[in-house]
Amino acid sequence: MANSKNNKRQVPGTGVAADFQPHQVILRPRVTEKGVFQSERGNQYTFEVNPLATKSQIKQAVESLFNVQVDKVATQTRRGKSRRFRFKFGETKAWKKAIVKLKPDSKIDFF
């Protein structure tokens, strides 16, 4: 499904290649206790990203938005959990998580 020439991924069911701007790839940083520990110790930062974004698109987006050098990107697709909403059962939305490891001389300051 991914096109190796121009690094675009097709939107499912449409046949149209997805070409994102950096602010469309990175949706929000995930600031948690575990994430803060990772950023202090391992220079790794966690972001919620567009589910159609590839690792190379995520790398380019982080480098352009935060002016840092990215060493490695790991992604996870998180499933929605079953939840009860009053008298009905539902499910939370699925989302994609990216863990971005920066080069030793780079750092992102959120606060």
PDB file of N, CA and C in Angstrom:
ATOM      1  N   MET A   1       0.796  -1.180   0.000  1.00  0.00           N
ATOM      2  CA  MET A   1       0.000   0.000   0.000  1.00  0.00           C
ATOM      3  C   MET A   1       0.852   1.264   0.000  1.00  0.00           C
ATOM      4  N   ALA A   2       2.028   1.212   0.601  1.00  0.00           N
ATOM      5  CA  ALA A   2       2.877   2.401   0.625  1.00  0.00           C
ATOM      6  C   ALA A   2       3.665   2.491  -0.675  1.00  0.00           C
ATOM      7  N   ASN A   3       3.812   3.682  -1.169  1.00  0.00           N
ATOM      8  CA  ASN A   3       4.563   3.921  -2.384  1.00  0.00           C
ATOM      9  C   ASN A   3       5.980   4.312  -1.977  1.00  0.00           C
ATOM     10  N   SER A   4       6.981   3.510  -2.375  1.00  0.00           N
ATOM     11  CA  SER A   4       8.337   3.743  -1.912  1.00  0.00           C
ATOM     12  C   SER A   4       8.999   4.931  -2.589  1.00  0.00           C
ATOM     13  N   LYS A   5       8.526   5.361  -3.768  1.00  0.00           N
ATOM     14  CA  LYS A   5       9.173   6.456  -4.476  1.00  0.00           C
ATOM     15  C   LYS A   5       8.987   7.795  -3.783  1.00  0.00           C
ATOM     16  N   ASN A   6       7.760   8.126  -3.423  1.00  0.00           N
ATOM     17  CA  ASN A   6       7.512   9.455  -2.876  1.00  0.00           C
ATOM     18  C   ASN A   6       7.009   9.435  -1.438  1.00  0.00           C
ATOM     19  N   ASN A   7       7.087   8.293  -0.786  1.00  0.00           N
ATOM     20  CA  ASN A   7       6.781   8.187   0.642  1.00  0.00           C
ATOM     21  C   ASN A   7       5.359   8.634   0.972  1.00  0.00           C
ATOM     22  N   LYS A   8       4.396   8.210   0.180  1.00  0.00           N
ATOM     23  CA  LYS A   8       2.993   8.515   0.441  1.00  0.00           C
ATOM     24  C   LYS A   8       2.240   7.216   0.673  1.00  0.00           C
ATOM     25  N   ARG A   9       1.258   7.253   1.541  1.00  0.00           N
ATOM     26  CA  ARG A   9       0.443   6.083   1.829  1.00  0.00           C
ATOM     27  C   ARG A   9      -0.966   6.357   1.340  1.00  0.00           C
ATOM     28  N   GLN A  10      -1.621   5.338   0.769  1.00  0.00           N
ATOM     29  CA  GLN A  10      -2.972   5.523   0.252  1.00  0.00           C
ATOM     30  C   GLN A  10      -3.992   5.517   1.379  1.00  0.00           C
ATOM     31  N   VAL A  11      -4.983   6.382   1.256  1.00  0.00           N
ATOM     32  CA  VAL A  11      -6.089   6.414   2.195  1.00  0.00           C
ATOM     33  C   VAL A  11      -6.966   5.204   1.880  1.00  0.00           C
ATOM     34  N   PRO A  12      -7.256   4.340   2.876  1.00  0.00           N
ATOM     35  CA  PRO A  12      -8.009   3.115   2.605  1.00  0.00           C
ATOM     36  C   PRO A  12      -9.350   3.382   1.930  1.00  0.00           C
ATOM     37  N   GLY A  13      -9.605   2.626   0.873  1.00  0.00           N
ATOM     38  CA  GLY A  13     -10.890   2.690   0.195  1.00  0.00           C
ATOM     39  C   GLY A  13     -11.040   3.817  -0.807  1.00  0.00           C
ATOM     40  N   THR A  14     -10.028   4.686  -0.930  1.00  0.00           N
ATOM     41  CA  THR A  14     -10.164   5.807  -1.849  1.00  0.00           C
ATOM     42  C   THR A  14      -9.187   5.749  -3.012  1.00  0.00           C
ATOM     43  N   GLY A  15      -8.042   5.109  -2.832  1.00  0.00           N
ATOM     44  CA  GLY A  15      -7.031   5.084  -3.868  1.00  0.00           C
ATOM     45  C   GLY A  15      -6.258   6.382  -3.971  1.00  0.00           C
ATOM     46  N   VAL A  16      -6.437   7.285  -3.007  1.00  0.00           N
ATOM     47  CA  VAL A  16      -5.767   8.579  -3.012  1.00  0.00           C
ATOM     48  C   VAL A  16      -4.589   8.524  -2.041  1.00  0.00           C
ATOM     49  N   ALA A  17      -3.443   9.012  -2.476  1.00  0.00           N
ATOM     50  CA  ALA A  17      -2.265   9.028  -1.616  1.00  0.00           C
ATOM     51  C   ALA A  17      -2.385  10.138  -0.583  1.00  0.00           C
ATOM     52  N   ALA A  18      -1.983   9.839   0.642  1.00  0.00           N
ATOM     53  CA  ALA A  18      -2.046  10.814   1.734  1.00  0.00           C
ATOM     54  C   ALA A  18      -0.729  11.583   1.788  1.00  0.00           C
ATOM     55  N   ASP A  19      -0.801  12.888   1.641  1.00  0.00           N
ATOM     56  CA  ASP A  19       0.365  13.752   1.730  1.00  0.00           C
ATOM     57  C   ASP A  19       0.069  14.781   2.815  1.00  0.00           C
ATOM     58  N   PHE A  20       0.801  14.693   3.941  1.00  0.00           N
ATOM     59  CA  PHE A  20       0.481  15.495   5.103  1.00  0.00           C
ATOM     60  C   PHE A  20       1.482  16.625   5.306  1.00  0.00           C
ATOM     61  N   GLN A  21       1.016  17.713   5.889  1.00  0.00           N
ATOM     62  CA  GLN A  21       1.872  18.772   6.390  1.00  0.00           C
ATOM     63  C   GLN A  21       2.354  18.337   7.779  1.00  0.00           C
ATOM     64  N   PRO A  22       3.474  18.872   8.285  1.00  0.00           N
ATOM     65  CA  PRO A  22       3.986  18.446   9.597  1.00  0.00           C
ATOM     66  C   PRO A  22       2.971  18.588  10.735  1.00  0.00           C
ATOM     67  N   HIS A  23       2.168  19.656  10.730  1.00  0.00           N
ATOM     68  CA  HIS A  23       1.195  19.830  11.811  1.00  0.00           C
ATOM     69  C   HIS A  23       0.010  18.862  11.674  1.00  0.00           C
ATOM     70  N   GLN A  24      -0.150  18.201  10.524  1.00  0.00           N
ATOM     71  CA  GLN A  24      -1.192  17.191  10.351  1.00  0.00           C
ATOM     72  C   GLN A  24      -0.702  15.811  10.771  1.00  0.00           C
ATOM     73  N   VAL A  25       0.608  15.614  10.823  1.00  0.00           N
ATOM     74  CA  VAL A  25       1.181  14.331  11.221  1.00  0.00           C
ATOM     75  C   VAL A  25       1.200  14.223  12.741  1.00  0.00           C
ATOM     76  N   ILE A  26       1.767  15.222  13.410  1.00  0.00           N
ATOM     77  CA  ILE A  26       1.871  15.228  14.877  1.00  0.00           C
ATOM     78  C   ILE A  26       0.610  15.879  15.432  1.00  0.00           C
ATOM     79  N   LEU A  27      -0.238  15.088  16.099  1.00  0.00           N
ATOM     80  CA  LEU A  27      -1.488  15.619  16.629  1.00  0.00           C
ATOM     81  C   LEU A  27      -1.295  16.264  17.998  1.00  0.00           C
ATOM     82  N   ARG A  28      -0.564  15.593  18.889  1.00  0.00           N
ATOM     83  CA  ARG A  28      -0.322  16.156  20.221  1.00  0.00           C
ATOM     84  C   ARG A  28       0.760  15.333  20.926  1.00  0.00           C
ATOM     85  N   PRO A  29       1.508  15.958  21.820  1.00  0.00           N
ATOM     86  CA  PRO A  29       2.452  15.179  22.631  1.00  0.00           C
ATOM     87  C   PRO A  29       1.698  14.443  23.736  1.00  0.00           C
ATOM     88  N   ARG A  30       2.180  13.291  24.095  1.00  0.00           N
ATOM     89  CA  ARG A  30       1.591  12.515  25.192  1.00  0.00           C
ATOM     90  C   ARG A  30       2.483  12.713  26.412  1.00  0.00           C
ATOM     91  N   VAL A  31       2.040  13.571  27.329  1.00  0.00           N
ATOM     92  CA  VAL A  31       2.826  13.862  28.522  1.00  0.00           C
ATOM     93  C   VAL A  31       2.264  13.041  29.669  1.00  0.00           C
ATOM     94  N   THR A  32       2.972  11.968  30.002  1.00  0.00           N
ATOM     95  CA  THR A  32       2.597  11.084  31.100  1.00  0.00           C
ATOM     96  C   THR A  32       3.817  10.899  32.001  1.00  0.00           C
ATOM     97  N   GLU A  33       3.624  10.224  33.128  1.00  0.00           N
ATOM     98  CA  GLU A  33       4.751   9.967  34.020  1.00  0.00           C
ATOM     99  C   GLU A  33       5.814   9.135  33.317  1.00  0.00           C
ATOM    100  N   LYS A  34       5.384   8.111  32.622  1.00  0.00           N
ATOM    101  CA  LYS A  34       6.317   7.252  31.903  1.00  0.00           C
ATOM    102  C   LYS A  34       7.031   8.032  30.792  1.00  0.00           C
ATOM    103  N   GLY A  35       6.291   8.889  30.101  1.00  0.00           N
ATOM    104  CA  GLY A  35       6.879   9.683  29.029  1.00  0.00           C
ATOM    105  C   GLY A  35       7.903  10.678  29.532  1.00  0.00           C
ATOM    106  N   VAL A  36       7.631  11.307  30.671  1.00  0.00           N
ATOM    107  CA  VAL A  36       8.582  12.246  31.249  1.00  0.00           C
ATOM    108  C   VAL A  36       9.846  11.511  31.677  1.00  0.00           C
ATOM    109  N   PHE A  37       9.707  10.323  32.237  1.00  0.00           N
ATOM    110  CA  PHE A  37      10.859   9.508  32.626  1.00  0.00           C
ATOM    111  C   PHE A  37      11.688   9.151  31.390  1.00  0.00           C
ATOM    112  N   GLN A  38      11.012   8.759  30.296  1.00  0.00           N
ATOM    113  CA  GLN A  38      11.721   8.412  29.063  1.00  0.00           C
ATOM    114  C   GLN A  38      12.452   9.622  28.491  1.00  0.00           C
ATOM    115  N   SER A  39      11.841  10.784  28.573  1.00  0.00           N
ATOM    116  CA  SER A  39      12.480  11.972  28.012  1.00  0.00           C
ATOM    117  C   SER A  39      13.705  12.382  28.830  1.00  0.00           C
ATOM    118  N   GLU A  40      13.652  12.195  30.140  1.00  0.00           N
ATOM    119  CA  GLU A  40      14.784  12.563  30.984  1.00  0.00           C
ATOM    120  C   GLU A  40      15.933  11.568  30.852  1.00  0.00           C
ATOM    121  N   ARG A  41      15.614  10.285  30.819  1.00  0.00           N
ATOM    122  CA  ARG A  41      16.652   9.253  30.814  1.00  0.00           C
ATOM    123  C   ARG A  41      17.129   8.868  29.419  1.00  0.00           C
ATOM    124  N   GLY A  42      16.186   8.637  28.499  1.00  0.00           N
ATOM    125  CA  GLY A  42      16.559   8.081  27.202  1.00  0.00           C
ATOM    126  C   GLY A  42      16.439   9.021  26.031  1.00  0.00           C
ATOM    127  N   ASN A  43      16.094  10.299  26.274  1.00  0.00           N
ATOM    128  CA  ASN A  43      15.913  11.281  25.209  1.00  0.00           C
ATOM    129  C   ASN A  43      14.866  10.809  24.194  1.00  0.00           C
ATOM    130  N   GLN A  44      13.766  10.216  24.707  1.00  0.00           N
ATOM    131  CA  GLN A  44      12.669   9.728  23.876  1.00  0.00           C
ATOM    132  C   GLN A  44      11.401  10.495  24.223  1.00  0.00           C
ATOM    133  N   TYR A  45      10.641  10.853  23.186  1.00  0.00           N
ATOM    134  CA  TYR A  45       9.414  11.624  23.373  1.00  0.00           C
ATOM    135  C   TYR A  45       8.265  10.895  22.692  1.00  0.00           C
ATOM    136  N   THR A  46       7.084  10.964  23.295  1.00  0.00           N
ATOM    137  CA  THR A  46       5.919  10.250  22.793  1.00  0.00           C
ATOM    138  C   THR A  46       4.908  11.240  22.240  1.00  0.00           C
ATOM    139  N   PHE A  47       4.367  10.917  21.056  1.00  0.00           N
ATOM    140  CA  PHE A  47       3.387  11.755  20.393  1.00  0.00           C
ATOM    141  C   PHE A  47       2.216  10.917  19.924  1.00  0.00           C
ATOM    142  N   GLU A  48       1.036  11.522  19.908  1.00  0.00           N
ATOM    143  CA  GLU A  48      -0.097  10.920  19.226  1.00  0.00           C
ATOM    144  C   GLU A  48      -0.040  11.442  17.799  1.00  0.00           C
ATOM    145  N   VAL A  49      -0.069  10.511  16.825  1.00  0.00           N
ATOM    146  CA  VAL A  49       0.126  10.887  15.427  1.00  0.00           C
ATOM    147  C   VAL A  49      -1.046  10.438  14.573  1.00  0.00           C
ATOM    148  N   ASN A  50      -1.095  10.952  13.360  1.00  0.00           N
ATOM    149  CA  ASN A  50      -2.114  10.569  12.393  1.00  0.00           C
ATOM    150  C   ASN A  50      -1.973   9.082  12.083  1.00  0.00           C
ATOM    151  N   PRO A  51      -3.066   8.311  12.112  1.00  0.00           N
ATOM    152  CA  PRO A  51      -2.977   6.865  11.881  1.00  0.00           C
ATOM    153  C   PRO A  51      -2.450   6.485  10.500  1.00  0.00           C
ATOM    154  N   LEU A  52      -2.514   7.376   9.535  1.00  0.00           N
ATOM    155  CA  LEU A  52      -2.024   7.073   8.191  1.00  0.00           C
ATOM    156  C   LEU A  52      -0.570   7.488   7.981  1.00  0.00           C
ATOM    157  N   ALA A  53       0.044   8.135   8.953  1.00  0.00           N
ATOM    158  CA  ALA A  53       1.413   8.625   8.814  1.00  0.00           C
ATOM    159  C   ALA A  53       2.415   7.478   8.920  1.00  0.00           C
ATOM    160  N   THR A  54       3.476   7.560   8.121  1.00  0.00           N
ATOM    161  CA  THR A  54       4.546   6.569   8.154  1.00  0.00           C
ATOM    162  C   THR A  54       5.653   7.047   9.089  1.00  0.00           C
ATOM    163  N   LYS A  55       6.606   6.148   9.385  1.00  0.00           N
ATOM    164  CA  LYS A  55       7.711   6.515  10.270  1.00  0.00           C
ATOM    165  C   LYS A  55       8.548   7.640   9.681  1.00  0.00           C
ATOM    166  N   SER A  56       8.797   7.600   8.395  1.00  0.00           N
ATOM    167  CA  SER A  56       9.609   8.654   7.786  1.00  0.00           C
ATOM    168  C   SER A  56       8.869   9.993   7.781  1.00  0.00           C
ATOM    169  N   GLN A  57       7.549   9.984   7.608  1.00  0.00           N
ATOM    170  CA  GLN A  57       6.775  11.225   7.689  1.00  0.00           C
ATOM    171  C   GLN A  57       6.809  11.781   9.106  1.00  0.00           C
ATOM    172  N   ILE A  58       6.726  10.894  10.107  1.00  0.00           N
ATOM    173  CA  ILE A  58       6.787  11.314  11.508  1.00  0.00           C
ATOM    174  C   ILE A  58       8.153  11.932  11.805  1.00  0.00           C
ATOM    175  N   LYS A  59       9.214  11.288  11.316  1.00  0.00           N
ATOM    176  CA  LYS A  59      10.569  11.799  11.525  1.00  0.00           C
ATOM    177  C   LYS A  59      10.730  13.189  10.926  1.00  0.00           C
ATOM    178  N   GLN A  60      10.279  13.377   9.695  1.00  0.00           N
ATOM    179  CA  GLN A  60      10.392  14.677   9.035  1.00  0.00           C
ATOM    180  C   GLN A  60       9.565  15.740   9.763  1.00  0.00           C
ATOM    181  N   ALA A  61       8.380  15.361  10.241  1.00  0.00           N
ATOM    182  CA  ALA A  61       7.512  16.317  10.935  1.00  0.00           C
ATOM    183  C   ALA A  61       8.131  16.777  12.251  1.00  0.00           C
ATOM    184  N   VAL A  62       8.680  15.855  13.034  1.00  0.00           N
ATOM    185  CA  VAL A  62       9.298  16.217  14.318  1.00  0.00           C
ATOM    186  C   VAL A  62      10.516  17.095  14.073  1.00  0.00           C
ATOM    187  N   GLU A  63      11.319  16.747  13.078  1.00  0.00           N
ATOM    188  CA  GLU A  63      12.514  17.547  12.788  1.00  0.00           C
ATOM    189  C   GLU A  63      12.153  18.967  12.354  1.00  0.00           C
ATOM    190  N   SER A  64      11.089  19.109  11.566  1.00  0.00           N
ATOM    191  CA  SER A  64      10.739  20.451  11.100  1.00  0.00           C
ATOM    192  C   SER A  64      10.000  21.268  12.165  1.00  0.00           C
ATOM    193  N   LEU A  65       9.161  20.633  12.976  1.00  0.00           N
ATOM    194  CA  LEU A  65       8.401  21.375  13.983  1.00  0.00           C
ATOM    195  C   LEU A  65       9.239  21.789  15.181  1.00  0.00           C
ATOM    196  N   PHE A  66      10.177  20.930  15.613  1.00  0.00           N
ATOM    197  CA  PHE A  66      10.921  21.185  16.849  1.00  0.00           C
ATOM    198  C   PHE A  66      12.396  21.511  16.618  1.00  0.00           C
ATOM    199  N   ASN A  67      12.866  21.519  15.361  1.00  0.00           N
ATOM    200  CA  ASN A  67      14.268  21.815  15.025  1.00  0.00           C
ATOM    201  C   ASN A  67      15.242  20.938  15.795  1.00  0.00           C
ATOM    202  N   VAL A  68      15.038  19.619  15.709  1.00  0.00           N
ATOM    203  CA  VAL A  68      15.901  18.640  16.373  1.00  0.00           C
ATOM    204  C   VAL A  68      16.318  17.590  15.349  1.00  0.00           C
ATOM    205  N   GLN A  69      17.263  16.731  15.737  1.00  0.00           N
ATOM    206  CA  GLN A  69      17.703  15.622  14.898  1.00  0.00           C
ATOM    207  C   GLN A  69      17.140  14.321  15.478  1.00  0.00           C
ATOM    208  N   VAL A  70      16.352  13.587  14.671  1.00  0.00           N
ATOM    209  CA  VAL A  70      15.724  12.351  15.122  1.00  0.00           C
ATOM    210  C   VAL A  70      16.640  11.180  14.803  1.00  0.00           C
ATOM    211  N   ASP A  71      16.827  10.295  15.781  1.00  0.00           N
ATOM    212  CA  ASP A  71      17.647   9.106  15.594  1.00  0.00           C
ATOM    213  C   ASP A  71      16.790   7.927  15.145  1.00  0.00           C
ATOM    214  N   LYS A  72      15.629   7.730  15.797  1.00  0.00           N
ATOM    215  CA  LYS A  72      14.828   6.543  15.540  1.00  0.00           C
ATOM    216  C   LYS A  72      13.367   6.823  15.867  1.00  0.00           C
ATOM    217  N   VAL A  73      12.448   6.146  15.153  1.00  0.00           N
ATOM    218  CA  VAL A  73      11.015   6.281  15.399  1.00  0.00           C
ATOM    219  C   VAL A  73      10.418   4.888  15.552  1.00  0.00           C
ATOM    220  N   ALA A  74       9.654   4.691  16.617  1.00  0.00           N
ATOM    221  CA  ALA A  74       8.914   3.453  16.831  1.00  0.00           C
ATOM    222  C   ALA A  74       7.430   3.815  16.915  1.00  0.00           C
ATOM    223  N   THR A  75       6.571   3.001  16.283  1.00  0.00           N
ATOM    224  CA  THR A  75       5.140   3.306  16.285  1.00  0.00           C
ATOM    225  C   THR A  75       4.347   2.145  16.861  1.00  0.00           C
ATOM    226  N   GLN A  76       3.205   2.483  17.427  1.00  0.00           N
ATOM    227  CA  GLN A  76       2.253   1.497  17.940  1.00  0.00           C
ATOM    228  C   GLN A  76       0.855   1.951  17.564  1.00  0.00           C
ATOM    229  N   THR A  77       0.026   1.016  17.134  1.00  0.00           N
ATOM    230  CA  THR A  77      -1.374   1.324  16.893  1.00  0.00           C
ATOM    231  C   THR A  77      -2.148   0.809  18.094  1.00  0.00           C
ATOM    232  N   ARG A  78      -2.734   1.723  18.841  1.00  0.00           N
ATOM    233  CA  ARG A  78      -3.436   1.373  20.076  1.00  0.00           C
ATOM    234  C   ARG A  78      -4.908   1.129  19.773  1.00  0.00           C
ATOM    235  N   ARG A  79      -5.411  -0.019  20.171  1.00  0.00           N
ATOM    236  CA  ARG A  79      -6.813  -0.363  19.965  1.00  0.00           C
ATOM    237  C   ARG A  79      -7.707   0.407  20.916  1.00  0.00           C
ATOM    238  N   GLY A  80      -8.933   0.654  20.488  1.00  0.00           N
ATOM    239  CA  GLY A  80      -9.913   1.265  21.380  1.00  0.00           C
ATOM    240  C   GLY A  80     -10.376   0.263  22.421  1.00  0.00           C
ATOM    241  N   LYS A  81     -10.623   0.731  23.612  1.00  0.00           N
ATOM    242  CA  LYS A  81     -11.059  -0.158  24.691  1.00  0.00           C
ATOM    243  C   LYS A  81     -12.579  -0.154  24.804  1.00  0.00           C
ATOM    244  N   SER A  82     -13.133  -1.276  25.223  1.00  0.00           N
ATOM    245  CA  SER A  82     -14.572  -1.350  25.461  1.00  0.00           C
ATOM    246  C   SER A  82     -14.912  -0.596  26.736  1.00  0.00           C
ATOM    247  N   ARG A  83     -15.915   0.238  26.667  1.00  0.00           N
ATOM    248  CA  ARG A  83     -16.336   1.034  27.815  1.00  0.00           C
ATOM    249  C   ARG A  83     -17.861   1.037  27.893  1.00  0.00           C
ATOM    250  N   ARG A  84     -18.344   1.288  29.100  1.00  0.00           N
ATOM    251  CA  ARG A  84     -19.786   1.400  29.294  1.00  0.00           C
ATOM    252  C   ARG A  84     -20.123   2.870  29.460  1.00  0.00           C
ATOM    253  N   PHE A  85     -21.057   3.341  28.658  1.00  0.00           N
ATOM    254  CA  PHE A  85     -21.529   4.717  28.724  1.00  0.00           C
ATOM    255  C   PHE A  85     -22.986   4.695  29.150  1.00  0.00           C
ATOM    256  N   ARG A  86     -23.206   4.933  30.422  1.00  0.00           N
ATOM    257  CA  ARG A  86     -24.541   4.882  31.003  1.00  0.00           C
ATOM    258  C   ARG A  86     -25.164   3.525  30.802  1.00  0.00           C
ATOM    259  N   PHE A  87     -26.162   3.407  29.918  1.00  0.00           N
ATOM    260  CA  PHE A  87     -26.841   2.129  29.736  1.00  0.00           C
ATOM    261  C   PHE A  87     -26.375   1.406  28.477  1.00  0.00           C
ATOM    262  N   LYS A  88     -25.414   1.971  27.788  1.00  0.00           N
ATOM    263  CA  LYS A  88     -24.963   1.390  26.530  1.00  0.00           C
ATOM    264  C   LYS A  88     -23.502   1.012  26.618  1.00  0.00           C
ATOM    265  N   PHE A  89     -23.115   0.083  25.775  1.00  0.00           N
ATOM    266  CA  PHE A  89     -21.713  -0.272  25.665  1.00  0.00           C
ATOM    267  C   PHE A  89     -21.141   0.385  24.426  1.00  0.00           C
ATOM    268  N   GLY A  90     -19.923   0.858  24.528  1.00  0.00           N
ATOM    269  CA  GLY A  90     -19.279   1.523  23.404  1.00  0.00           C
ATOM    270  C   GLY A  90     -17.796   1.214  23.420  1.00  0.00           C
ATOM    271  N   GLU A  91     -17.067   1.941  22.617  1.00  0.00           N
ATOM    272  CA  GLU A  91     -15.639   1.729  22.517  1.00  0.00           C
ATOM    273  C   GLU A  91     -14.939   3.073  22.327  1.00  0.00           C
ATOM    274  N   THR A  92     -13.809   3.229  23.000  1.00  0.00           N
ATOM    275  CA  THR A  92     -13.020   4.435  22.785  1.00  0.00           C
ATOM    276  C   THR A  92     -12.325   4.327  21.433  1.00  0.00           C
ATOM    277  N   LYS A  93     -11.872   5.447  20.906  1.00  0.00           N
ATOM    278  CA  LYS A  93     -11.287   5.432  19.573  1.00  0.00           C
ATOM    279  C   LYS A  93      -9.891   4.813  19.586  1.00  0.00           C
ATOM    280  N   ALA A  94      -9.542   4.217  18.462  1.00  0.00           N
ATOM    281  CA  ALA A  94      -8.192   3.696  18.281  1.00  0.00           C
ATOM    282  C   ALA A  94      -7.300   4.869  17.858  1.00  0.00           C
ATOM    283  N   TRP A  95      -6.011   4.810  18.213  1.00  0.00           N
ATOM    284  CA  TRP A  95      -5.099   5.886  17.885  1.00  0.00           C
ATOM    285  C   TRP A  95      -3.701   5.331  17.673  1.00  0.00           C
ATOM    286  N   LYS A  96      -2.859   6.130  17.060  1.00  0.00           N
ATOM    287  CA  LYS A  96      -1.492   5.715  16.765  1.00  0.00           C
ATOM    288  C   LYS A  96      -0.529   6.522  17.613  1.00  0.00           C
ATOM    289  N   LYS A  97       0.439   5.824  18.185  1.00  0.00           N
ATOM    290  CA  LYS A  97       1.412   6.422  19.090  1.00  0.00           C
ATOM    291  C   LYS A  97       2.799   6.295  18.462  1.00  0.00           C
ATOM    292  N   ALA A  98       3.589   7.342  18.531  1.00  0.00           N
ATOM    293  CA  ALA A  98       4.955   7.317  18.025  1.00  0.00           C
ATOM    294  C   ALA A  98       5.912   7.668  19.149  1.00  0.00           C
ATOM    295  N   ILE A  99       6.927   6.836  19.332  1.00  0.00           N
ATOM    296  CA  ILE A  99       7.981   7.103  20.298  1.00  0.00           C
ATOM    297  C   ILE A  99       9.206   7.515  19.487  1.00  0.00           C
ATOM    298  N   VAL A 100       9.630   8.757  19.666  1.00  0.00           N
ATOM    299  CA  VAL A 100      10.698   9.335  18.862  1.00  0.00           C
ATOM    300  C   VAL A 100      11.944   9.471  19.722  1.00  0.00           C
ATOM    301  N   LYS A 101      13.021   8.805  19.290  1.00  0.00           N
ATOM    302  CA  LYS A 101      14.304   8.918  19.999  1.00  0.00           C
ATOM    303  C   LYS A 101      15.149   9.946  19.263  1.00  0.00           C
ATOM    304  N   LEU A 102      15.648  10.926  20.024  1.00  0.00           N
ATOM    305  CA  LEU A 102      16.443  11.997  19.436  1.00  0.00           C
ATOM    306  C   LEU A 102      17.930  11.692  19.565  1.00  0.00           C
ATOM    307  N   LYS A 103      18.726  12.359  18.731  1.00  0.00           N
ATOM    308  CA  LYS A 103      20.187  12.240  18.830  1.00  0.00           C
ATOM    309  C   LYS A 103      20.620  12.867  20.155  1.00  0.00           C
ATOM    310  N   PRO A 104      21.769  12.449  20.695  1.00  0.00           N
ATOM    311  CA  PRO A 104      22.173  12.903  22.041  1.00  0.00           C
ATOM    312  C   PRO A 104      22.248  14.421  22.218  1.00  0.00           C
ATOM    313  N   ASP A 105      22.556  15.178  21.168  1.00  0.00           N
ATOM    314  CA  ASP A 105      22.695  16.619  21.332  1.00  0.00           C
ATOM    315  C   ASP A 105      21.388  17.380  21.132  1.00  0.00           C
ATOM    316  N   SER A 106      20.278  16.677  20.859  1.00  0.00           N
ATOM    317  CA  SER A 106      18.978  17.319  20.645  1.00  0.00           C
ATOM    318  C   SER A 106      18.082  17.138  21.854  1.00  0.00           C
ATOM    319  N   LYS A 107      17.180  18.123  22.057  1.00  0.00           N
ATOM    320  CA  LYS A 107      16.236  18.045  23.175  1.00  0.00           C
ATOM    321  C   LYS A 107      14.992  18.871  22.835  1.00  0.00           C
ATOM    322  N   ILE A 108      13.809  18.385  23.260  1.00  0.00           N
ATOM    323  CA  ILE A 108      12.571  19.114  23.098  1.00  0.00           C
ATOM    324  C   ILE A 108      12.134  19.587  24.486  1.00  0.00           C
ATOM    325  N   ASP A 109      11.800  20.868  24.581  1.00  0.00           N
ATOM    326  CA  ASP A 109      11.356  21.430  25.857  1.00  0.00           C
ATOM    327  C   ASP A 109       9.892  21.796  25.730  1.00  0.00           C
ATOM    328  N   PHE A 110       8.993  20.999  26.337  1.00  0.00           N
ATOM    329  CA  PHE A 110       7.552  21.244  26.258  1.00  0.00           C
ATOM    330  C   PHE A 110       7.110  22.325  27.226  1.00  0.00           C
ATOM    331  N   PHE A 111       7.817  22.484  28.331  1.00  0.00           N
ATOM    332  CA  PHE A 111       7.365  23.406  29.366  1.00  0.00           C
ATOM    333  C   PHE A 111       8.273  24.596  29.471  1.00  0.00           C
TER     334      PHE A 111
END
